Amino acid sequence: VISAFDRNLAELTQKIETAIASFSGRRAAKEEKEIEFSRRIETNTA
């Protein structure tokens, strides 16, 4: 949870940006693994 009791917009926005960037990186890495796995399936399974 992001705490924003002081309602500091600049700090809150930065924390949201950091969380989104981290999530986007994990999702991109996962998608890359899925693409690589699919590529191996298509190459070897056939």
All heavy atoms as atom14 arrays in JSON, in Angstrom:
{
  "sequence": "VISAFDRNLAELTQKIETAIASFSGRRAAKEEKEIEFSRRIETNTA",
  "atom14_mask": [
    [1, 1, 1, 1, 1, 1, 1, 0, 0, 0, 0, 0, 0, 0],
    [1, 1, 1, 1, 1, 1, 1, 1, 0, 0, 0, 0, 0, 0],
    [1, 1, 1, 1, 1, 1, 0, 0, 0, 0, 0, 0, 0, 0],
    [1, 1, 1, 1, 1, 0, 0, 0, 0, 0, 0, 0, 0, 0],
    [1, 1, 1, 1, 1, 1, 1, 1, 1, 1, 1, 0, 0, 0],
    [1, 1, 1, 1, 1, 1, 1, 1, 0, 0, 0, 0, 0, 0],
    [1, 1, 1, 1, 1, 1, 1, 1, 1, 1, 1, 0, 0, 0],
    [1, 1, 1, 1, 1, 1, 1, 1, 0, 0, 0, 0, 0, 0],
    [1, 1, 1, 1, 1, 1, 1, 1, 0, 0, 0, 0, 0, 0],
    [1, 1, 1, 1, 1, 0, 0, 0, 0, 0, 0, 0, 0, 0],
    [1, 1, 1, 1, 1, 1, 1, 1, 1, 0, 0, 0, 0, 0],
    [1, 1, 1, 1, 1, 1, 1, 1, 0, 0, 0, 0, 0, 0],
    [1, 1, 1, 1, 1, 1, 1, 0, 0, 0, 0, 0, 0, 0],
    [1, 1, 1, 1, 1, 1, 1, 1, 1, 0, 0, 0, 0, 0],
    [1, 1, 1, 1, 1, 1, 1, 1, 1, 0, 0, 0, 0, 0],
    [1, 1, 1, 1, 1, 1, 1, 1, 0, 0, 0, 0, 0, 0],
    [1, 1, 1, 1, 1, 1, 1, 1, 1, 0, 0, 0, 0, 0],
    [1, 1, 1, 1, 1, 1, 1, 0, 0, 0, 0, 0, 0, 0],
    [1, 1, 1, 1, 1, 0, 0, 0, 0, 0, 0, 0, 0, 0],
    [1, 1, 1, 1, 1, 1, 1, 1, 0, 0, 0, 0, 0, 0],
    [1, 1, 1, 1, 1, 0, 0, 0, 0, 0, 0, 0, 0, 0],
    [1, 1, 1, 1, 1, 1, 0, 0, 0, 0, 0, 0, 0, 0],
    [1, 1, 1, 1, 1, 1, 1, 1, 1, 1, 1, 0, 0, 0],
    [1, 1, 1, 1, 1, 1, 0, 0, 0, 0, 0, 0, 0, 0],
    [1, 1, 1, 1, 0, 0, 0, 0, 0, 0, 0, 0, 0, 0],
    [1, 1, 1, 1, 1, 1, 1, 1, 1, 1, 1, 0, 0, 0],
    [1, 1, 1, 1, 1, 1, 1, 1, 1, 1, 1, 0, 0, 0],
    [1, 1, 1, 1, 1, 0, 0, 0, 0, 0, 0, 0, 0, 0],
    [1, 1, 1, 1, 1, 0, 0, 0, 0, 0, 0, 0, 0, 0],
    [1, 1, 1, 1, 1, 1, 1, 1, 1, 0, 0, 0, 0, 0],
    [1, 1, 1, 1, 1, 1, 1, 1, 1, 0, 0, 0, 0, 0],
    [1, 1, 1, 1, 1, 1, 1, 1, 1, 0, 0, 0, 0, 0],
    [1, 1, 1, 1, 1, 1, 1, 1, 1, 0, 0, 0, 0, 0],
    [1, 1, 1, 1, 1, 1, 1, 1, 1, 0, 0, 0, 0, 0],
    [1, 1, 1, 1, 1, 1, 1, 1, 0, 0, 0, 0, 0, 0],
    [1, 1, 1, 1, 1, 1, 1, 1, 1, 0, 0, 0, 0, 0],
    [1, 1, 1, 1, 1, 1, 1, 1, 1, 1, 1, 0, 0, 0],
    [1, 1, 1, 1, 1, 1, 0, 0, 0, 0, 0, 0, 0, 0],
    [1, 1, 1, 1, 1, 1, 1, 1, 1, 1, 1, 0, 0, 0],
    [1, 1, 1, 1, 1, 1, 1, 1, 1, 1, 1, 0, 0, 0],
    [1, 1, 1, 1, 1, 1, 1, 1, 0, 0, 0, 0, 0, 0],
    [1, 1, 1, 1, 1, 1, 1, 1, 1, 0, 0, 0, 0, 0],
    [1, 1, 1, 1, 1, 1, 1, 0, 0, 0, 0, 0, 0, 0],
    [1, 1, 1, 1, 1, 1, 1, 1, 0, 0, 0, 0, 0, 0],
    [1, 1, 1, 1, 1, 1, 1, 0, 0, 0, 0, 0, 0, 0],
    [1, 1, 1, 1, 1, 0, 0, 0, 0, 0, 0, 0, 0, 0]
  ],
  "atom14_positions": [
    [[0.84, -1.2, 0.0], [0.0, 0.0, 0.0], [0.88, 1.25, 0.0], [1.89, 1.31, 0.71], [-0.94, 0.01, 1.23], [-1.77, 1.3, 1.27], [-1.85, -1.2, 1.22], [0.0, 0.0, 0.0], [0.0, 0.0, 0.0], [0.0, 0.0, 0.0], [0.0, 0.0, 0.0], [0.0, 0.0, 0.0], [0.0, 0.0, 0.0], [0.0, 0.0, 0.0]],
    [[0.48, 2.23, -0.81], [1.17, 3.52, -0.82], [0.48, 4.45, 0.18], [-0.73, 4.7, 0.09], [1.15, 4.16, -2.22], [1.93, 3.28, -3.21], [1.73, 5.56, -2.18], [1.9, 3.81, -4.63], [0.0, 0.0, 0.0], [0.0, 0.0, 0.0], [0.0, 0.0, 0.0], [0.0, 0.0, 0.0], [0.0, 0.0, 0.0], [0.0, 0.0, 0.0]],
    [[1.25, 4.93, 1.15], [0.69, 5.84, 2.15], [0.86, 7.29, 1.68], [1.95, 7.69, 1.27], [1.4, 5.66, 3.5], [1.2, 4.34, 3.99], [0.0, 0.0, 0.0], [0.0, 0.0, 0.0], [0.0, 0.0, 0.0], [0.0, 0.0, 0.0], [0.0, 0.0, 0.0], [0.0, 0.0, 0.0], [0.0, 0.0, 0.0], [0.0, 0.0, 0.0]],
    [[-0.24, 8.03, 1.72], [-0.22, 9.44, 1.29], [-1.05, 10.27, 2.26], [-1.94, 11.03, 1.87], [-0.75, 9.57, -0.13], [0.0, 0.0, 0.0], [0.0, 0.0, 0.0], [0.0, 0.0, 0.0], [0.0, 0.0, 0.0], [0.0, 0.0, 0.0], [0.0, 0.0, 0.0], [0.0, 0.0, 0.0], [0.0, 0.0, 0.0], [0.0, 0.0, 0.0]],
    [[-0.71, 10.11, 3.56], [-1.46, 10.86, 4.58], [-1.26, 12.37, 4.43], [-2.18, 13.16, 4.69], [-1.01, 10.43, 5.98], [-1.27, 8.97, 6.27], [-0.39, 8.25, 7.05], [-2.39, 8.32, 5.75], [-0.63, 6.9, 7.33], [-2.62, 6.99, 6.02], [-1.74, 6.27, 6.81], [0.0, 0.0, 0.0], [0.0, 0.0, 0.0], [0.0, 0.0, 0.0]],
    [[-0.04, 12.75, 4.0], [0.24, 14.18, 3.84], [-0.31, 14.73, 2.53], [-0.27, 15.93, 2.28], [1.74, 14.45, 3.91], [2.52, 13.63, 2.89], [1.87, 12.86, 2.12], [3.75, 13.73, 2.83], [0.0, 0.0, 0.0], [0.0, 0.0, 0.0], [0.0, 0.0, 0.0], [0.0, 0.0, 0.0], [0.0, 0.0, 0.0], [0.0, 0.0, 0.0]],
    [[-0.79, 13.81, 1.65], [-1.39, 14.18, 0.36], [-0.42, 15.02, -0.49], [-0.82, 16.0, -1.15], [-2.71, 14.9, 0.56], [-3.69, 14.09, 1.41], [-5.12, 14.45, 1.19], [-6.0, 13.58, 1.97], [-7.32, 13.49, 1.8], [-7.91, 14.24, 0.87], [-8.04, 12.69, 2.54], [0.0, 0.0, 0.0], [0.0, 0.0, 0.0], [0.0, 0.0, 0.0]],
    [[0.83, 14.59, -0.49], [1.86, 15.23, -1.3], [1.75, 14.67, -2.72], [2.12, 13.53, -2.99], [3.24, 14.94, -0.71], [4.35, 15.68, -1.42], [4.34, 15.83, -2.63], [5.32, 16.16, -0.63], [0.0, 0.0, 0.0], [0.0, 0.0, 0.0], [0.0, 0.0, 0.0], [0.0, 0.0, 0.0], [0.0, 0.0, 0.0], [0.0, 0.0, 0.0]],
    [[1.23, 15.45, -3.64], [0.96, 14.99, -5.0], [2.23, 14.59, -5.75], [2.25, 13.59, -6.47], [0.2, 16.06, -5.77], [-1.26, 16.29, -5.35], [-1.84, 17.51, -6.06], [-2.08, 15.05, -5.66], [0.0, 0.0, 0.0], [0.0, 0.0, 0.0], [0.0, 0.0, 0.0], [0.0, 0.0, 0.0], [0.0, 0.0, 0.0], [0.0, 0.0, 0.0]],
    [[3.29, 15.35, -5.6], [4.53, 15.05, -6.32], [5.1, 13.71, -5.87], [5.48, 12.86, -6.7], [5.54, 16.17, -6.09], [0.0, 0.0, 0.0], [0.0, 0.0, 0.0], [0.0, 0.0, 0.0], [0.0, 0.0, 0.0], [0.0, 0.0, 0.0], [0.0, 0.0, 0.0], [0.0, 0.0, 0.0], [0.0, 0.0, 0.0], [0.0, 0.0, 0.0]],
    [[5.16, 13.51, -4.56], [5.7, 12.25, -4.04], [4.78, 11.09, -4.4], [5.25, 10.0, -4.76], [5.85, 12.35, -2.52], [6.46, 11.12, -1.9], [6.63, 11.27, -0.39], [6.42, 12.39, 0.13], [6.94, 10.26, 0.26], [0.0, 0.0, 0.0], [0.0, 0.0, 0.0], [0.0, 0.0, 0.0], [0.0, 0.0, 0.0], [0.0, 0.0, 0.0]],
    [[3.47, 11.3, -4.31], [2.51, 10.24, -4.64], [2.62, 9.83, -6.1], [2.65, 8.64, -6.43], [1.09, 10.71, -4.33], [-0.04, 9.76, -4.75], [0.09, 8.42, -4.04], [-1.4, 10.39, -4.48], [0.0, 0.0, 0.0], [0.0, 0.0, 0.0], [0.0, 0.0, 0.0], [0.0, 0.0, 0.0], [0.0, 0.0, 0.0], [0.0, 0.0, 0.0]],
    [[2.72, 10.82, -6.98], [2.83, 10.53, -8.41], [4.1, 9.73, -8.71], [4.08, 8.79, -9.52], [2.84, 11.84, -9.22], [1.66, 12.6, -8.92], [2.88, 11.55, -10.72], [0.0, 0.0, 0.0], [0.0, 0.0, 0.0], [0.0, 0.0, 0.0], [0.0, 0.0, 0.0], [0.0, 0.0, 0.0], [0.0, 0.0, 0.0], [0.0, 0.0, 0.0]],
    [[5.2, 10.09, -8.04], [6.45, 9.38, -8.25], [6.35, 7.92, -7.8], [6.85, 7.01, -8.48], [7.58, 10.08, -7.49], [8.96, 9.46, -7.72], [9.36, 9.47, -9.19], [9.15, 10.44, -9.9], [9.92, 8.35, -9.65], [0.0, 0.0, 0.0], [0.0, 0.0, 0.0], [0.0, 0.0, 0.0], [0.0, 0.0, 0.0], [0.0, 0.0, 0.0]],
    [[5.7, 7.69, -6.67], [5.54, 6.31, -6.17], [4.67, 5.48, -7.12], [4.95, 4.3, -7.37], [4.92, 6.33, -4.78], [5.85, 6.84, -3.7], [5.18, 6.82, -2.34], [6.14, 7.3, -1.24], [5.49, 7.29, 0.1], [0.0, 0.0, 0.0], [0.0, 0.0, 0.0], [0.0, 0.0, 0.0], [0.0, 0.0, 0.0], [0.0, 0.0, 0.0]],
    [[3.62, 6.11, -7.65], [2.77, 5.41, -8.61], [3.56, 5.08, -9.88], [3.46, 3.96, -10.42], [1.52, 6.24, -8.95], [0.63, 6.39, -7.71], [0.73, 5.6, -10.1], [-0.57, 7.31, -7.93], [0.0, 0.0, 0.0], [0.0, 0.0, 0.0], [0.0, 0.0, 0.0], [0.0, 0.0, 0.0], [0.0, 0.0, 0.0], [0.0, 0.0, 0.0]],
    [[4.36, 6.04, -10.35], [5.18, 5.82, -11.55], [6.17, 4.66, -11.33], [6.37, 3.82, -12.2], [5.95, 7.1, -11.9], [5.1, 8.18, -12.55], [4.72, 7.83, -13.97], [5.35, 6.95, -14.58], [3.77, 8.44, -14.47], [0.0, 0.0, 0.0], [0.0, 0.0, 0.0], [0.0, 0.0, 0.0], [0.0, 0.0, 0.0], [0.0, 0.0, 0.0]],
    [[6.78, 4.62, -10.14], [7.74, 3.56, -9.83], [7.05, 2.19, -9.82], [7.59, 1.21, -10.36], [8.39, 3.82, -8.46], [9.06, 5.09, -8.49], [9.4, 2.72, -8.14], [0.0, 0.0, 0.0], [0.0, 0.0, 0.0], [0.0, 0.0, 0.0], [0.0, 0.0, 0.0], [0.0, 0.0, 0.0], [0.0, 0.0, 0.0], [0.0, 0.0, 0.0]],
    [[5.88, 2.12, -9.21], [5.14, 0.86, -9.15], [4.74, 0.38, -10.55], [4.85, -0.8, -10.88], [3.9, 1.02, -8.27], [0.0, 0.0, 0.0], [0.0, 0.0, 0.0], [0.0, 0.0, 0.0], [0.0, 0.0, 0.0], [0.0, 0.0, 0.0], [0.0, 0.0, 0.0], [0.0, 0.0, 0.0], [0.0, 0.0, 0.0], [0.0, 0.0, 0.0]],
    [[4.29, 1.34, -11.38], [3.88, 0.98, -12.75], [5.08, 0.51, -13.56], [4.99, -0.48, -14.31], [3.2, 2.18, -13.43], [1.86, 2.49, -12.75], [2.97, 1.89, -14.92], [1.16, 3.73, -13.29], [0.0, 0.0, 0.0], [0.0, 0.0, 0.0], [0.0, 0.0, 0.0], [0.0, 0.0, 0.0], [0.0, 0.0, 0.0], [0.0, 0.0, 0.0]],
    [[6.21, 1.21, -13.43], [7.42, 0.84, -14.18], [7.89, -0.56, -13.78], [8.27, -1.37, -14.63], [8.52, 1.87, -13.96], [0.0, 0.0, 0.0], [0.0, 0.0, 0.0], [0.0, 0.0, 0.0], [0.0, 0.0, 0.0], [0.0, 0.0, 0.0], [0.0, 0.0, 0.0], [0.0, 0.0, 0.0], [0.0, 0.0, 0.0], [0.0, 0.0, 0.0]],
    [[7.86, -0.85, -12.49], [8.28, -2.17, -12.02], [7.35, -3.27, -12.55], [7.81, -4.32, -13.01], [8.29, -2.19, -10.49], [8.62, -3.48, -10.01], [0.0, 0.0, 0.0], [0.0, 0.0, 0.0], [0.0, 0.0, 0.0], [0.0, 0.0, 0.0], [0.0, 0.0, 0.0], [0.0, 0.0, 0.0], [0.0, 0.0, 0.0], [0.0, 0.0, 0.0]],
    [[6.05, -3.0, -12.5], [5.07, -3.98, -12.99], [5.22, -4.19, -14.5], [5.17, -5.33, -14.99], [3.66, -3.5, -12.66], [2.58, -4.38, -13.22], [2.29, -5.61, -12.65], [1.85, -3.97, -14.34], [1.29, -6.42, -13.16], [0.85, -4.78, -14.85], [0.57, -6.0, -14.26], [0.0, 0.0, 0.0], [0.0, 0.0, 0.0], [0.0, 0.0, 0.0]],
    [[5.41, -3.09, -15.22], [5.57, -3.2, -16.67], [6.8, -4.0, -17.04], [6.79, -4.79, -17.99], [5.66, -1.79, -17.3], [4.47, -1.07, -17.05], [0.0, 0.0, 0.0], [0.0, 0.0, 0.0], [0.0, 0.0, 0.0], [0.0, 0.0, 0.0], [0.0, 0.0, 0.0], [0.0, 0.0, 0.0], [0.0, 0.0, 0.0], [0.0, 0.0, 0.0]],
    [[7.88, -3.82, -16.27], [9.1, -4.59, -16.52], [8.88, -6.09, -16.28], [9.32, -6.93, -17.08], [0.0, 0.0, 0.0], [0.0, 0.0, 0.0], [0.0, 0.0, 0.0], [0.0, 0.0, 0.0], [0.0, 0.0, 0.0], [0.0, 0.0, 0.0], [0.0, 0.0, 0.0], [0.0, 0.0, 0.0], [0.0, 0.0, 0.0], [0.0, 0.0, 0.0]],
    [[8.19, -6.43, -15.19], [7.92, -7.84, -14.9], [7.02, -8.45, -15.96], [7.23, -9.59, -16.4], [7.26, -7.98, -13.52], [8.16, -7.64, -12.35], [7.58, -8.16, -11.05], [6.24, -7.64, -10.81], [5.97, -6.51, -10.17], [6.97, -5.75, -9.71], [4.73, -6.11, -9.97], [0.0, 0.0, 0.0], [0.0, 0.0, 0.0], [0.0, 0.0, 0.0]],
    [[6.03, -7.68, -16.38], [5.11, -8.19, -17.4], [5.83, -8.37, -18.74], [5.6, -9.35, -19.46], [3.91, -7.28, -17.55], [2.82, -7.85, -18.45], [1.54, -7.06, -18.36], [1.7, -5.73, -18.94], [0.71, -4.84, -19.05], [-0.5, -5.15, -18.59], [0.92, -3.66, -19.57], [0.0, 0.0, 0.0], [0.0, 0.0, 0.0], [0.0, 0.0, 0.0]],
    [[6.7, -7.43, -19.07], [7.45, -7.55, -20.33], [8.35, -8.77, -20.3], [8.48, -9.49, -21.3], [8.26, -6.28, -20.57], [0.0, 0.0, 0.0], [0.0, 0.0, 0.0], [0.0, 0.0, 0.0], [0.0, 0.0, 0.0], [0.0, 0.0, 0.0], [0.0, 0.0, 0.0], [0.0, 0.0, 0.0], [0.0, 0.0, 0.0], [0.0, 0.0, 0.0]],
    [[9.0, -9.02, -19.13], [9.87, -10.19, -19.02], [9.06, -11.48, -19.14], [9.48, -12.44, -19.79], [10.6, -10.16, -17.68], [0.0, 0.0, 0.0], [0.0, 0.0, 0.0], [0.0, 0.0, 0.0], [0.0, 0.0, 0.0], [0.0, 0.0, 0.0], [0.0, 0.0, 0.0], [0.0, 0.0, 0.0], [0.0, 0.0, 0.0], [0.0, 0.0, 0.0]],
    [[7.88, -11.49, -18.53], [7.01, -12.68, -18.61], [6.55, -12.92, -20.04], [6.54, -14.06, -20.52], [5.82, -12.5, -17.69], [4.88, -13.7, -17.67], [3.72, -13.48, -16.72], [2.78, -14.68, -16.74], [1.62, -14.48, -15.82], [0.0, 0.0, 0.0], [0.0, 0.0, 0.0], [0.0, 0.0, 0.0], [0.0, 0.0, 0.0], [0.0, 0.0, 0.0]],
    [[6.16, -11.84, -20.72], [5.72, -11.97, -22.11], [6.86, -12.46, -22.99], [6.65, -13.25, -23.92], [5.18, -10.64, -22.61], [3.86, -10.24, -21.96], [3.4, -8.86, -22.4], [4.19, -8.17, -23.08], [2.26, -8.47, -22.07], [0.0, 0.0, 0.0], [0.0, 0.0, 0.0], [0.0, 0.0, 0.0], [0.0, 0.0, 0.0], [0.0, 0.0, 0.0]],
    [[8.07, -12.01, -22.7], [9.23, -12.45, -23.47], [9.47, -13.95, -23.27], [9.78, -14.67, -24.23], [10.48, -11.67, -23.05], [11.74, -12.04, -23.82], [11.63, -11.73, -25.31], [10.87, -10.82, -25.68], [12.31, -12.43, -26.09], [0.0, 0.0, 0.0], [0.0, 0.0, 0.0], [0.0, 0.0, 0.0], [0.0, 0.0, 0.0], [0.0, 0.0, 0.0]],
    [[9.31, -14.41, -22.03], [9.45, -15.84, -21.75], [8.38, -16.65, -22.48], [8.65, -17.72, -23.02], [9.37, -16.09, -20.25], [10.57, -15.62, -19.47], [10.43, -15.96, -18.0], [11.66, -15.51, -17.21], [11.52, -15.81, -15.76], [0.0, 0.0, 0.0], [0.0, 0.0, 0.0], [0.0, 0.0, 0.0], [0.0, 0.0, 0.0], [0.0, 0.0, 0.0]],
    [[7.14, -16.12, -22.49], [6.06, -16.82, -23.18], [6.32, -16.88, -24.67], [6.06, -17.91, -25.32], [4.73, -16.11, -22.9], [4.26, -16.23, -21.45], [3.0, -15.44, -21.2], [2.59, -14.67, -22.11], [2.4, -15.58, -20.11], [0.0, 0.0, 0.0], [0.0, 0.0, 0.0], [0.0, 0.0, 0.0], [0.0, 0.0, 0.0], [0.0, 0.0, 0.0]],
    [[6.85, -15.79, -25.23], [7.16, -15.77, -26.66], [8.27, -16.77, -26.98], [8.2, -17.52, -27.96], [7.57, -14.35, -27.1], [6.38, -13.39, -26.99], [8.12, -14.37, -28.52], [6.73, -11.94, -27.27], [0.0, 0.0, 0.0], [0.0, 0.0, 0.0], [0.0, 0.0, 0.0], [0.0, 0.0, 0.0], [0.0, 0.0, 0.0], [0.0, 0.0, 0.0]],
    [[9.29, -16.81, -26.11], [10.39, -17.74, -26.31], [9.9, -19.19, -26.18], [10.3, -20.06, -26.95], [11.5, -17.47, -25.29], [12.68, -18.43, -25.37], [13.4, -18.36, -26.71], [13.32, -17.31, -27.38], [14.05, -19.36, -27.08], [0.0, 0.0, 0.0], [0.0, 0.0, 0.0], [0.0, 0.0, 0.0], [0.0, 0.0, 0.0], [0.0, 0.0, 0.0]],
    [[9.03, -19.42, -25.2], [8.48, -20.77, -25.03], [7.66, -21.18, -26.24], [7.76, -22.31, -26.73], [7.61, -20.8, -23.76], [6.97, -22.12, -23.5], [7.71, -23.21, -23.08], [5.6, -22.29, -23.69], [7.12, -24.44, -22.85], [4.99, -23.51, -23.45], [5.76, -24.59, -23.02], [0.0, 0.0, 0.0], [0.0, 0.0, 0.0], [0.0, 0.0, 0.0]],
    [[6.84, -20.25, -26.74], [6.04, -20.54, -27.93], [6.92, -20.81, -29.14], [6.62, -21.67, -29.96], [5.1, -19.37, -28.22], [4.2, -19.16, -27.15], [0.0, 0.0, 0.0], [0.0, 0.0, 0.0], [0.0, 0.0, 0.0], [0.0, 0.0, 0.0], [0.0, 0.0, 0.0], [0.0, 0.0, 0.0], [0.0, 0.0, 0.0], [0.0, 0.0, 0.0]],
    [[8.02, -20.07, -29.22], [8.94, -20.26, -30.34], [9.57, -21.66, -30.28], [9.72, -22.34, -31.29], [10.03, -19.19, -30.32], [10.93, -19.21, -31.55], [12.0, -18.15, -31.46], [11.42, -16.81, -31.41], [11.51, -16.0, -30.36], [12.16, -16.4, -29.28], [10.96, -14.81, -30.36], [0.0, 0.0, 0.0], [0.0, 0.0, 0.0], [0.0, 0.0, 0.0]],
    [[9.95, -22.09, -29.08], [10.52, -23.42, -28.93], [9.49, -24.5, -29.25], [9.82, -25.53, -29.84], [11.04, -23.62, -27.5], [12.27, -22.81, -27.18], [13.02, -23.41, -26.0], [12.16, -23.54, -24.82], [12.04, -22.61, -23.88], [12.71, -21.47, -24.0], [11.27, -22.81, -22.85], [0.0, 0.0, 0.0], [0.0, 0.0, 0.0], [0.0, 0.0, 0.0]],
    [[8.25, -24.25, -28.85], [7.18, -25.21, -29.15], [7.02, -25.36, -30.66], [6.96, -26.47, -31.2], [5.85, -24.77, -28.51], [5.92, -24.95, -26.99], [4.68, -25.59, -29.07], [4.68, -24.47, -26.28], [0.0, 0.0, 0.0], [0.0, 0.0, 0.0], [0.0, 0.0, 0.0], [0.0, 0.0, 0.0], [0.0, 0.0, 0.0], [0.0, 0.0, 0.0]],
    [[6.93, -24.23, -31.34], [6.71, -24.26, -32.79], [7.89, -24.9, -33.52], [7.72, -25.6, -34.52], [6.49, -22.84, -33.29], [5.19, -22.21, -32.79], [5.05, -20.76, -33.21], [5.98, -20.26, -33.89], [4.04, -20.13, -32.87], [0.0, 0.0, 0.0], [0.0, 0.0, 0.0], [0.0, 0.0, 0.0], [0.0, 0.0, 0.0], [0.0, 0.0, 0.0]],
    [[9.13, -24.67, -32.99], [10.32, -25.2, -33.66], [10.49, -26.7, -33.44], [10.74, -27.46, -34.38], [11.58, -24.47, -33.17], [11.43, -23.07, -33.41], [12.81, -24.98, -33.88], [0.0, 0.0, 0.0], [0.0, 0.0, 0.0], [0.0, 0.0, 0.0], [0.0, 0.0, 0.0], [0.0, 0.0, 0.0], [0.0, 0.0, 0.0], [0.0, 0.0, 0.0]],
    [[10.34, -27.13, -32.19], [10.65, -28.51, -31.84], [9.46, -29.45, -31.94], [9.62, -30.61, -32.33], [11.21, -28.57, -30.41], [12.49, -27.77, -30.27], [13.3, -27.74, -31.17], [12.66, -27.12, -29.13], [0.0, 0.0, 0.0], [0.0, 0.0, 0.0], [0.0, 0.0, 0.0], [0.0, 0.0, 0.0], [0.0, 0.0, 0.0], [0.0, 0.0, 0.0]],
    [[8.27, -28.96, -31.59], [7.11, -29.85, -31.54], [6.74, -30.35, -32.93], [6.41, -31.54, -33.09], [5.91, -29.13, -30.91], [6.29, -28.62, -29.63], [4.74, -30.08, -30.75], [0.0, 0.0, 0.0], [0.0, 0.0, 0.0], [0.0, 0.0, 0.0], [0.0, 0.0, 0.0], [0.0, 0.0, 0.0], [0.0, 0.0, 0.0], [0.0, 0.0, 0.0]],
    [[6.78, -29.46, -33.93], [6.41, -29.87, -35.28], [7.3, -31.02, -35.77], [6.81, -32.0, -36.33], [6.49, -28.68, -36.23], [0.0, 0.0, 0.0], [0.0, 0.0, 0.0], [0.0, 0.0, 0.0], [0.0, 0.0, 0.0], [0.0, 0.0, 0.0], [0.0, 0.0, 0.0], [0.0, 0.0, 0.0], [0.0, 0.0, 0.0], [0.0, 0.0, 0.0]]
  ]
}
